[in-house]
N, C-alpha and C. Protein backbone atom coordinates (compact mmCIF):
# COMPACT_ATOMS: atom_id res chain seq x y z
N UNK A 1 89.04 1.04 97.11
CA UNK A 1 87.94 0.21 95.87
C UNK A 1 86.51 0.73 96.24
N UNK A 2 86.27 1.15 95.08
CA UNK A 2 84.81 1.54 95.35
C UNK A 2 84.22 0.48 95.07
N UNK A 3 82.74 0.40 95.99
CA UNK A 3 82.34 -1.29 95.78
C UNK A 3 81.07 0.09 95.09
N UNK A 4 80.40 -0.50 93.90
CA UNK A 4 79.22 -0.08 93.15
C UNK A 4 78.35 -1.19 93.31
N UNK A 5 76.74 -0.58 93.28
CA UNK A 5 75.99 -1.40 93.38
C UNK A 5 75.39 -1.84 91.90
N UNK A 6 75.58 -3.28 91.96
CA UNK A 6 75.38 -3.85 90.65
C UNK A 6 73.72 -4.23 90.82
N UNK A 7 73.02 -3.58 89.54
CA UNK A 7 71.81 -3.99 89.04
C UNK A 7 71.88 -5.10 88.45
N UNK A 8 70.13 -5.87 88.76
CA UNK A 8 69.85 -6.48 88.23
C UNK A 8 69.84 -6.87 86.59
N UNK A 9 69.85 -5.72 86.04
CA UNK A 9 69.82 -5.65 84.36
C UNK A 9 71.41 -5.57 84.36
N UNK A 10 72.49 -5.35 84.87
CA UNK A 10 73.65 -5.16 84.38
C UNK A 10 74.11 -6.12 84.32
N UNK A 11 74.10 -7.43 85.82
CA UNK A 11 74.58 -8.52 86.10
C UNK A 11 73.89 -9.62 84.91
N UNK A 12 72.83 -9.30 84.49
CA UNK A 12 72.07 -10.82 83.88
C UNK A 12 72.71 -10.35 82.05
N UNK A 13 72.97 -11.45 81.52
CA UNK A 13 72.89 -10.88 80.18
C UNK A 13 71.94 -11.35 79.51
N UNK A 14 71.81 -10.37 78.33
CA UNK A 14 70.36 -10.39 77.65
C UNK A 14 70.01 -11.95 77.87
N UNK A 15 68.59 -12.14 77.03
CA UNK A 15 68.02 -13.45 77.07
C UNK A 15 68.33 -14.30 75.64
N UNK A 16 68.99 -15.31 75.19
CA UNK A 16 68.58 -15.40 73.72
C UNK A 16 67.76 -15.51 72.86
N UNK A 17 67.79 -14.97 71.74
CA UNK A 17 66.21 -15.14 70.77
C UNK A 17 65.22 -16.05 71.41
N UNK A 18 64.29 -16.33 71.41
CA UNK A 18 63.91 -17.05 71.75
C UNK A 18 63.45 -18.50 70.48
N UNK A 19 63.60 -19.61 70.58
CA UNK A 19 63.54 -20.20 69.20
C UNK A 19 62.26 -20.43 68.58
N UNK A 20 62.24 -20.88 67.23
CA UNK A 20 60.45 -20.74 66.95
C UNK A 20 59.65 -21.49 67.80
N UNK A 21 58.47 -21.08 67.56
CA UNK A 21 57.57 -22.02 68.42
C UNK A 21 57.19 -23.07 67.72
N UNK A 22 56.97 -23.85 68.69
CA UNK A 22 56.34 -25.17 67.96
C UNK A 22 55.21 -24.93 66.98
N UNK A 23 54.31 -24.14 67.04
CA UNK A 23 52.89 -24.01 66.64
C UNK A 23 53.28 -23.57 65.57
N UNK A 24 54.35 -22.49 65.20
CA UNK A 24 54.85 -21.61 64.01
C UNK A 24 55.63 -22.83 62.91
N UNK A 25 56.31 -23.80 63.61
CA UNK A 25 57.10 -24.99 63.02
C UNK A 25 55.70 -25.93 62.62
N UNK A 26 54.60 -26.08 63.61
CA UNK A 26 53.47 -26.84 62.68
C UNK A 26 52.61 -26.38 61.95
N UNK A 27 52.70 -24.98 61.57
CA UNK A 27 52.04 -24.42 60.68
C UNK A 27 52.20 -24.57 59.21
N UNK A 28 53.40 -23.99 59.40
CA UNK A 28 54.62 -23.99 58.03
C UNK A 28 54.35 -25.88 57.55
N UNK A 29 54.57 -26.82 58.53
CA UNK A 29 54.74 -28.09 58.14
C UNK A 29 52.80 -28.49 57.60
N UNK A 30 52.25 -27.86 58.15
CA UNK A 30 50.37 -27.98 57.83
C UNK A 30 50.20 -27.36 56.22
N UNK A 31 50.91 -26.36 56.45
CA UNK A 31 50.58 -25.73 55.41
C UNK A 31 51.18 -26.22 53.44
N UNK A 32 52.32 -27.14 54.06
CA UNK A 32 53.26 -27.56 53.28
C UNK A 32 52.07 -28.72 52.65
N UNK A 33 51.71 -29.26 53.51
CA UNK A 33 51.39 -31.08 53.20
C UNK A 33 49.98 -30.40 52.68
N UNK A 34 48.98 -29.74 53.14
CA UNK A 34 48.00 -29.33 52.50
C UNK A 34 48.16 -28.69 51.31
N UNK A 35 49.31 -27.87 51.20
CA UNK A 35 49.71 -27.87 49.49
C UNK A 35 50.02 -28.55 48.64
N UNK A 36 50.58 -29.70 48.78
CA UNK A 36 50.81 -30.80 47.87
C UNK A 36 49.14 -31.58 47.94
N UNK A 37 48.37 -31.88 48.93
CA UNK A 37 47.40 -32.12 48.65
C UNK A 37 46.64 -31.28 47.25
N UNK A 38 46.12 -30.43 48.01
CA UNK A 38 45.77 -29.00 46.80
C UNK A 38 46.59 -29.26 45.42
N UNK A 39 47.92 -29.40 45.37
CA UNK A 39 48.07 -29.55 43.62
C UNK A 39 48.24 -30.88 43.28
N UNK A 40 47.73 -31.70 44.07
CA UNK A 40 47.51 -33.29 43.68
C UNK A 40 46.16 -33.37 43.29
N UNK A 41 45.09 -32.78 43.96
CA UNK A 41 43.82 -33.01 43.62
C UNK A 41 43.50 -32.17 42.36
N UNK A 42 44.40 -31.13 42.60
CA UNK A 42 44.29 -30.06 41.14
C UNK A 42 44.35 -30.31 39.97
N UNK A 43 45.42 -31.47 39.83
CA UNK A 43 46.02 -31.98 38.87
C UNK A 43 45.28 -33.36 38.02
N UNK A 44 44.76 -34.11 39.34
CA UNK A 44 44.14 -35.14 39.39
C UNK A 44 42.72 -34.86 38.11
N UNK A 45 42.14 -33.31 38.93
CA UNK A 45 41.02 -32.87 38.53
C UNK A 45 41.14 -32.47 36.80
N UNK A 46 42.28 -32.17 36.84
CA UNK A 46 42.65 -31.36 35.43
C UNK A 46 42.72 -32.28 34.78
N UNK A 47 43.10 -33.94 34.76
CA UNK A 47 43.35 -34.73 34.02
C UNK A 47 42.30 -35.79 33.43
N UNK A 48 41.36 -35.64 34.72
CA UNK A 48 40.08 -36.82 34.82
C UNK A 48 39.22 -35.41 33.35
N UNK A 49 38.86 -33.63 34.07
CA UNK A 49 38.29 -33.44 33.22
C UNK A 49 38.61 -33.20 31.44
N UNK A 50 40.01 -32.83 31.01
CA UNK A 50 40.70 -33.03 29.76
C UNK A 50 40.22 -34.24 28.89
N UNK A 51 40.43 -35.53 30.03
CA UNK A 51 39.98 -36.89 28.84
C UNK A 51 38.01 -37.37 28.66
N UNK A 52 37.62 -36.49 28.98
CA UNK A 52 36.09 -36.89 29.28
C UNK A 52 35.37 -36.28 28.06
N UNK A 53 35.67 -37.31 27.51
CA UNK A 53 34.56 -37.25 25.79
C UNK A 53 33.59 -38.52 25.53
N UNK A 54 32.77 -38.26 25.24
CA UNK A 54 31.71 -39.70 25.10
C UNK A 54 31.36 -39.42 23.27
N UNK A 55 31.16 -40.62 22.20
CA UNK A 55 30.92 -40.69 20.94
C UNK A 55 28.92 -40.33 20.94
N UNK A 56 28.87 -39.57 20.36
CA UNK A 56 27.31 -39.20 19.68
C UNK A 56 27.70 -39.18 18.49
N UNK A 57 26.64 -40.27 18.04
CA UNK A 57 26.53 -40.46 16.61
C UNK A 57 26.03 -38.96 15.90
N UNK A 58 26.99 -38.22 15.13
CA UNK A 58 27.99 -39.08 14.34
C UNK A 58 29.37 -38.22 14.52
N UNK A 59 28.70 -37.84 15.86
CA UNK A 59 30.24 -37.16 16.42
C UNK A 59 30.15 -37.26 17.94
N UNK A 60 31.53 -36.58 18.09
CA UNK A 60 32.16 -36.79 19.53
C UNK A 60 31.31 -35.52 20.55
N UNK A 61 30.99 -35.97 21.88
CA UNK A 61 31.12 -34.89 22.83
C UNK A 61 32.17 -34.90 23.74
N UNK A 62 32.76 -33.86 24.00
CA UNK A 62 34.01 -33.06 24.58
C UNK A 62 33.62 -32.56 25.30
N UNK A 63 34.54 -32.26 26.54
CA UNK A 63 34.41 -31.08 27.38
C UNK A 63 34.50 -29.97 27.17
N UNK A 64 35.27 -29.79 26.27
CA UNK A 64 35.46 -27.84 26.19
C UNK A 64 34.05 -27.71 24.76
N UNK A 65 32.92 -28.74 24.75
CA UNK A 65 31.94 -28.48 24.19
C UNK A 65 31.00 -27.76 24.87
N UNK A 66 30.67 -27.05 26.21
CA UNK A 66 29.91 -27.22 27.08
C UNK A 66 30.85 -25.92 28.15
N UNK A 67 30.50 -24.65 27.79
CA UNK A 67 31.17 -23.58 28.58
C UNK A 67 31.31 -23.50 30.25
N UNK A 68 30.43 -24.09 30.84
CA UNK A 68 30.85 -23.96 32.15
C UNK A 68 32.03 -25.09 32.18
N UNK A 69 32.01 -26.01 31.53
CA UNK A 69 33.40 -27.06 31.84
C UNK A 69 34.30 -26.58 31.25
N UNK A 70 34.43 -25.46 30.09
CA UNK A 70 35.71 -24.79 30.12
C UNK A 70 35.86 -23.99 31.49
N UNK A 71 34.74 -23.10 31.89
CA UNK A 71 34.83 -22.37 33.53
C UNK A 71 35.73 -23.00 34.38
N UNK A 72 35.01 -24.06 34.50
CA UNK A 72 35.87 -25.14 35.04
C UNK A 72 37.32 -25.42 35.22
N UNK A 73 37.54 -25.89 33.75
CA UNK A 73 38.91 -25.90 33.19
C UNK A 73 39.58 -24.61 33.67
N UNK A 74 39.38 -23.58 33.44
CA UNK A 74 40.08 -22.76 33.30
C UNK A 74 40.14 -22.11 35.29
N UNK A 75 39.41 -22.63 36.23
CA UNK A 75 39.23 -22.25 37.03
C UNK A 75 40.14 -23.67 38.52
N UNK A 76 40.61 -24.55 37.32
CA UNK A 76 41.41 -25.56 38.03
C UNK A 76 42.90 -25.51 37.34
N UNK A 77 43.35 -24.16 36.61
CA UNK A 77 44.44 -24.47 35.62
C UNK A 77 44.81 -23.28 36.44
N UNK A 78 44.27 -22.59 36.74
CA UNK A 78 44.91 -20.87 37.96
C UNK A 78 45.08 -21.51 38.65
N UNK A 79 44.28 -22.68 39.34
CA UNK A 79 44.21 -22.77 41.17
C UNK A 79 45.64 -23.66 41.06
N UNK A 80 46.23 -24.37 40.30
CA UNK A 80 47.19 -25.59 39.30
C UNK A 80 48.10 -24.59 39.71
N UNK A 81 48.52 -23.47 39.00
CA UNK A 81 49.49 -22.80 38.98
C UNK A 81 49.61 -22.11 40.15
N UNK A 82 48.57 -21.23 40.68
CA UNK A 82 49.24 -20.96 42.05
C UNK A 82 49.56 -21.72 43.25
N UNK A 83 48.96 -22.99 43.01
CA UNK A 83 48.96 -24.19 43.91
C UNK A 83 50.56 -24.27 43.88
N UNK A 84 50.98 -24.82 42.78
CA UNK A 84 52.75 -24.87 42.43
C UNK A 84 53.67 -23.69 42.44
N UNK A 85 53.10 -22.71 42.50
CA UNK A 85 53.79 -21.35 43.20
C UNK A 85 53.95 -20.98 44.61
N UNK A 86 52.47 -21.79 45.04
CA UNK A 86 52.77 -21.60 46.89
C UNK A 86 53.57 -22.87 47.32
N UNK A 87 53.58 -24.08 46.53
CA UNK A 87 54.25 -25.17 47.04
C UNK A 87 55.48 -25.25 46.76
N UNK A 88 56.42 -24.41 46.10
CA UNK A 88 57.81 -24.07 45.74
C UNK A 88 58.28 -23.27 47.38
N UNK A 89 57.27 -22.13 47.38
CA UNK A 89 57.50 -20.98 48.35
C UNK A 89 57.26 -21.94 50.04
N UNK A 90 56.28 -22.53 50.33
CA UNK A 90 56.06 -23.60 51.01
C UNK A 90 57.63 -24.29 51.27
N UNK A 91 58.23 -24.62 50.45
CA UNK A 91 59.20 -25.83 51.04
C UNK A 91 60.26 -24.81 51.13
N UNK A 92 60.67 -23.89 50.81
CA UNK A 92 61.78 -22.82 50.89
C UNK A 92 61.22 -22.13 52.37
N UNK A 93 59.61 -22.06 52.97
CA UNK A 93 59.61 -21.87 54.10
C UNK A 93 60.04 -23.05 54.70
N UNK A 94 60.11 -23.69 54.53
CA UNK A 94 60.35 -25.03 55.95
C UNK A 94 61.57 -25.30 55.83
N UNK A 95 61.91 -25.30 55.02
CA UNK A 95 63.92 -25.73 54.70
C UNK A 95 64.17 -24.26 55.70
N UNK A 96 64.22 -23.63 55.16
CA UNK A 96 64.82 -21.98 55.36
C UNK A 96 64.12 -21.67 57.14
N UNK A 97 63.26 -21.61 57.87
CA UNK A 97 62.41 -21.26 58.97
C UNK A 97 61.76 -20.32 58.79
N UNK A 98 61.45 -19.57 57.85
CA UNK A 98 60.78 -18.24 57.57
C UNK A 98 59.58 -18.48 57.41
N UNK A 99 58.50 -17.34 57.53
CA UNK A 99 57.28 -17.52 57.35
C UNK A 99 56.99 -17.12 55.90
N UNK A 100 57.89 -16.69 55.12
CA UNK A 100 57.68 -16.54 53.60
C UNK A 100 56.70 -14.89 53.50
N UNK A 101 55.97 -14.93 52.26
CA UNK A 101 54.97 -13.72 51.83
C UNK A 101 53.75 -13.82 52.49
N UNK A 102 53.58 -13.59 54.00
CA UNK A 102 52.47 -13.67 54.66
C UNK A 102 51.47 -12.70 54.13
N UNK A 103 51.49 -11.76 53.27
CA UNK A 103 50.01 -10.74 52.33
C UNK A 103 49.68 -12.26 51.78
N UNK A 104 50.63 -12.33 50.52
CA UNK A 104 50.29 -13.54 49.55
C UNK A 104 49.85 -14.70 49.67
N UNK A 105 49.82 -14.94 51.15
CA UNK A 105 49.64 -16.19 51.23
C UNK A 105 47.97 -15.76 52.02
N UNK A 106 47.89 -14.87 52.62
CA UNK A 106 46.85 -14.57 53.33
C UNK A 106 45.31 -14.38 51.83
N UNK A 107 45.56 -13.24 50.86
CA UNK A 107 44.98 -12.74 50.08
C UNK A 107 45.08 -13.71 48.78
N UNK A 108 45.73 -14.24 48.75
CA UNK A 108 46.01 -15.39 47.80
C UNK A 108 45.35 -16.48 47.86
N UNK A 109 45.32 -17.38 48.98
CA UNK A 109 44.86 -18.22 49.47
C UNK A 109 43.01 -17.83 49.69
N UNK A 110 42.92 -17.20 49.63
CA UNK A 110 41.35 -16.34 49.97
C UNK A 110 40.47 -16.43 48.49
N UNK A 111 41.70 -15.74 47.88
CA UNK A 111 40.93 -15.83 46.53
C UNK A 111 41.31 -16.52 45.61
N UNK A 112 42.28 -17.70 45.76
CA UNK A 112 41.81 -18.98 44.73
C UNK A 112 40.62 -19.64 45.61
N UNK A 113 40.56 -19.62 46.59
CA UNK A 113 39.51 -20.79 47.55
C UNK A 113 37.99 -20.19 46.86
N UNK A 114 37.96 -19.30 46.92
CA UNK A 114 36.66 -18.55 46.00
C UNK A 114 36.53 -19.13 44.61
N UNK A 115 37.43 -18.89 43.87
CA UNK A 115 37.77 -19.04 42.46
C UNK A 115 37.16 -20.70 42.39
N UNK A 116 38.03 -21.60 43.26
CA UNK A 116 38.09 -22.99 43.24
C UNK A 116 36.76 -23.34 43.46
N UNK A 117 35.94 -22.25 44.70
CA UNK A 117 34.63 -22.56 44.55
C UNK A 117 33.47 -22.74 43.81
N UNK A 118 33.86 -21.69 42.88
CA UNK A 118 32.85 -21.06 41.76
C UNK A 118 32.66 -22.06 40.99
N UNK A 119 33.93 -22.71 40.56
CA UNK A 119 34.52 -23.69 39.15
C UNK A 119 33.81 -24.67 39.64
N UNK A 120 33.69 -25.69 40.94
CA UNK A 120 32.72 -26.74 41.58
C UNK A 120 31.22 -26.06 41.45
N UNK A 121 31.29 -24.97 41.57
CA UNK A 121 29.43 -24.74 41.78
C UNK A 121 29.26 -25.02 39.88
N UNK A 122 30.02 -24.27 39.69
CA UNK A 122 29.57 -24.77 38.21
C UNK A 122 29.68 -25.96 37.22
N UNK A 123 30.82 -26.69 37.43
CA UNK A 123 30.90 -28.11 37.18
C UNK A 123 29.64 -29.08 37.59
N UNK A 124 29.04 -28.91 39.03
CA UNK A 124 28.30 -29.44 39.24
C UNK A 124 26.89 -29.27 38.91
N UNK A 125 26.82 -28.03 38.70
CA UNK A 125 25.28 -27.66 38.46
C UNK A 125 25.19 -28.02 37.27
N UNK A 126 26.02 -27.60 35.77
CA UNK A 126 25.65 -28.32 34.62
C UNK A 126 25.99 -29.76 34.76
N UNK A 127 26.17 -30.15 34.93
CA UNK A 127 26.55 -31.62 34.95
C UNK A 127 25.14 -32.45 35.56
N UNK A 128 24.38 -32.10 36.46
CA UNK A 128 23.46 -32.25 36.95
C UNK A 128 22.02 -31.69 36.38
N UNK A 129 22.41 -30.62 35.41
CA UNK A 129 21.16 -29.89 34.37
C UNK A 129 21.05 -31.00 33.69
N UNK A 130 22.66 -31.19 32.63
CA UNK A 130 22.51 -31.96 31.59
C UNK A 130 21.94 -33.16 31.84
N UNK A 131 22.69 -34.02 33.15
CA UNK A 131 22.06 -35.37 33.25
C UNK A 131 20.80 -35.36 32.75
N UNK A 132 19.91 -34.42 33.85
CA UNK A 132 18.46 -34.07 33.53
C UNK A 132 17.64 -34.07 32.55
N UNK A 133 18.22 -33.27 31.77
CA UNK A 133 17.57 -32.82 30.43
C UNK A 133 18.34 -34.59 29.70
N UNK A 134 19.40 -35.06 29.58
CA UNK A 134 19.49 -36.05 29.27
C UNK A 134 18.88 -37.69 29.01
N UNK A 135 18.55 -37.70 30.49
CA UNK A 135 18.06 -38.70 30.94
C UNK A 135 15.96 -38.29 30.90
N UNK A 136 15.80 -37.46 30.35
CA UNK A 136 14.55 -37.20 29.77
C UNK A 136 14.13 -37.32 28.47
N UNK A 137 15.15 -37.34 28.02
CA UNK A 137 15.12 -37.31 26.23
C UNK A 137 15.40 -38.60 25.86
N UNK A 138 14.53 -39.40 25.16
CA UNK A 138 14.73 -41.12 24.53
C UNK A 138 15.59 -41.09 23.57
N UNK A 139 16.09 -39.70 23.01
CA UNK A 139 16.92 -39.58 21.86
C UNK A 139 18.38 -40.50 22.89
N UNK A 140 18.95 -39.88 23.81
CA UNK A 140 19.92 -40.67 24.54
C UNK A 140 19.69 -42.24 25.29
N UNK A 141 18.76 -42.63 24.99
CA UNK A 141 18.87 -44.04 25.82
C UNK A 141 19.41 -44.75 25.00
N UNK A 142 19.94 -44.73 23.69
CA UNK A 142 20.75 -45.42 22.76
C UNK A 142 22.11 -45.30 23.29
N UNK A 143 22.16 -43.91 23.44
CA UNK A 143 24.30 -43.71 24.07
C UNK A 143 24.16 -43.69 25.20
N UNK A 144 25.41 -44.60 25.83
CA UNK A 144 25.81 -44.59 26.93
C UNK A 144 26.77 -43.18 27.25
N UNK A 145 26.02 -42.53 27.81
CA UNK A 145 26.11 -40.92 27.96
C UNK A 145 26.98 -41.22 29.94
N UNK A 146 26.79 -42.19 30.60
CA UNK A 146 26.48 -41.68 31.87
C UNK A 146 27.89 -41.85 31.95
N UNK A 147 28.95 -42.41 31.33
CA UNK A 147 30.46 -41.99 31.62
C UNK A 147 30.72 -40.87 31.84
N UNK A 148 30.52 -40.28 30.75
CA UNK A 148 30.59 -38.47 30.64
C UNK A 148 30.43 -38.19 31.38
N UNK A 149 29.10 -38.22 32.38
CA UNK A 149 28.80 -37.83 33.74
C UNK A 149 29.41 -37.87 34.38
N UNK A 150 29.83 -39.31 34.79
CA UNK A 150 30.59 -39.96 36.03
C UNK A 150 31.93 -39.16 36.21
N UNK A 151 32.45 -39.08 34.76
CA UNK A 151 33.94 -38.06 35.00
C UNK A 151 33.82 -36.92 35.65
N UNK A 152 32.65 -36.16 34.51
CA UNK A 152 32.38 -34.61 34.97
C UNK A 152 32.29 -34.70 36.95
N UNK A 153 31.35 -35.50 37.21
CA UNK A 153 31.06 -35.63 38.62
C UNK A 153 32.47 -35.42 39.32
N UNK A 154 33.15 -36.83 39.23
CA UNK A 154 34.99 -36.82 39.61
C UNK A 154 35.50 -35.59 39.40
N UNK A 155 35.74 -35.22 38.29
CA UNK A 155 36.32 -33.75 38.38
C UNK A 155 35.95 -32.61 39.23
N UNK A 156 34.55 -32.44 39.20
CA UNK A 156 33.89 -32.03 40.31
C UNK A 156 33.95 -31.78 41.51
N UNK A 157 34.32 -32.94 41.99
CA UNK A 157 34.43 -33.69 43.50
C UNK A 157 35.91 -33.67 44.19
N UNK A 158 36.63 -33.64 43.09
CA UNK A 158 37.91 -33.23 42.93
C UNK A 158 38.66 -32.24 43.32
N UNK A 159 37.72 -31.19 43.00
CA UNK A 159 37.68 -29.73 42.54
C UNK A 159 37.45 -29.27 43.65
N UNK A 160 35.94 -29.85 44.41
CA UNK A 160 35.43 -29.61 45.69
C UNK A 160 36.66 -29.72 47.05
N UNK A 161 37.18 -31.33 46.91
CA UNK A 161 38.18 -31.45 47.51
C UNK A 161 39.44 -30.21 47.64
N UNK A 162 39.87 -30.06 46.44
CA UNK A 162 41.09 -28.85 46.57
C UNK A 162 40.47 -27.66 46.79
N UNK A 163 39.15 -27.19 46.72
CA UNK A 163 38.41 -26.09 47.58
C UNK A 163 38.66 -26.58 49.08
N UNK A 164 38.38 -27.15 49.80
CA UNK A 164 38.24 -27.29 50.91
C UNK A 164 39.82 -27.28 51.57
N UNK A 165 40.72 -28.10 50.63
CA UNK A 165 42.38 -27.90 51.92
C UNK A 165 42.57 -26.29 51.21
N UNK A 166 42.01 -25.66 50.06
CA UNK A 166 42.78 -24.55 50.30
C UNK A 166 41.58 -23.21 51.17
N UNK A 167 40.36 -23.51 51.29
CA UNK A 167 39.97 -23.03 52.57
C UNK A 167 40.83 -23.21 53.85
N UNK A 168 41.10 -24.48 53.85
CA UNK A 168 41.83 -24.79 55.23
C UNK A 168 43.25 -23.87 55.56
N UNK A 169 43.63 -23.80 54.05
CA UNK A 169 45.30 -22.82 54.13
C UNK A 169 44.64 -21.76 54.36
N UNK A 170 43.55 -21.00 54.03
CA UNK A 170 42.94 -20.13 54.02
C UNK A 170 42.85 -19.40 55.58
N UNK A 171 42.18 -20.45 56.43
CA UNK A 171 41.83 -20.53 57.92
C UNK A 171 43.70 -19.93 58.58
N UNK A 172 44.58 -21.64 57.78
CA UNK A 172 46.17 -21.29 58.30
C UNK A 172 46.32 -19.35 58.72
N UNK A 173 46.42 -19.20 56.58
CA UNK A 173 47.36 -17.87 56.60
C UNK A 173 46.32 -16.54 57.42
N UNK A 174 45.19 -16.62 57.66
CA UNK A 174 44.37 -16.03 58.39
C UNK A 174 44.81 -15.64 59.46
N UNK A 175 45.25 -17.17 60.46
CA UNK A 175 46.04 -17.16 61.77
C UNK A 175 47.03 -16.96 61.64
N UNK A 176 47.94 -16.93 61.30
CA UNK A 176 49.24 -16.94 60.95
C UNK A 176 49.76 -15.45 60.87
N UNK A 177 48.91 -14.93 60.03
CA UNK A 177 49.01 -12.95 59.62
C UNK A 177 48.70 -12.17 60.90
N UNK A 178 48.07 -12.02 61.74
CA UNK A 178 47.93 -11.20 62.98
C UNK A 178 49.33 -11.32 63.48
N UNK A 179 50.07 -12.97 63.84
CA UNK A 179 51.13 -12.35 64.54
C UNK A 179 52.03 -12.23 63.79
N UNK A 180 52.50 -11.93 63.15
CA UNK A 180 53.90 -11.19 62.62
C UNK A 180 53.66 -10.03 62.03
N UNK A 181 52.51 -9.37 61.45
CA UNK A 181 52.32 -8.23 60.64
C UNK A 181 51.92 -7.37 62.09
């Protein structure tokens, strides 16, 4: 019988594939939770903005009468649609244990966060300006227009929070992308 020298490579079986790292699982769960928060914030902001009306005799002032609020509405609708899409993809990623479409997460989160930030700025800016103008005009003393501005502030504040969660998602996608690509 001929004895052959066995090398370490031949004797040891190949190592099993590494289990998913806890940081990867944690990032997927954190992303899912943040996407849920983003969707809820945008949905509530949409409802508050769309129900914002006040009676200004002889007609009714609605949010769509002001162009900046229309822009704010469009950013909320686009953000909600993107958030709903990403929420479905995040649920799939958590269930399947996959990372999903990393480039969509990376570029989409950045683009939507900038869009939400601009909608927030437009909402706050027009509310501050019109409130200042109506407070200085004695005609508006007889009209209780404060509720209109309070709802506008509330909607813009919720949009700001949605921007913050989307910005956090952008950071997570920026962290995840170089590890996988």
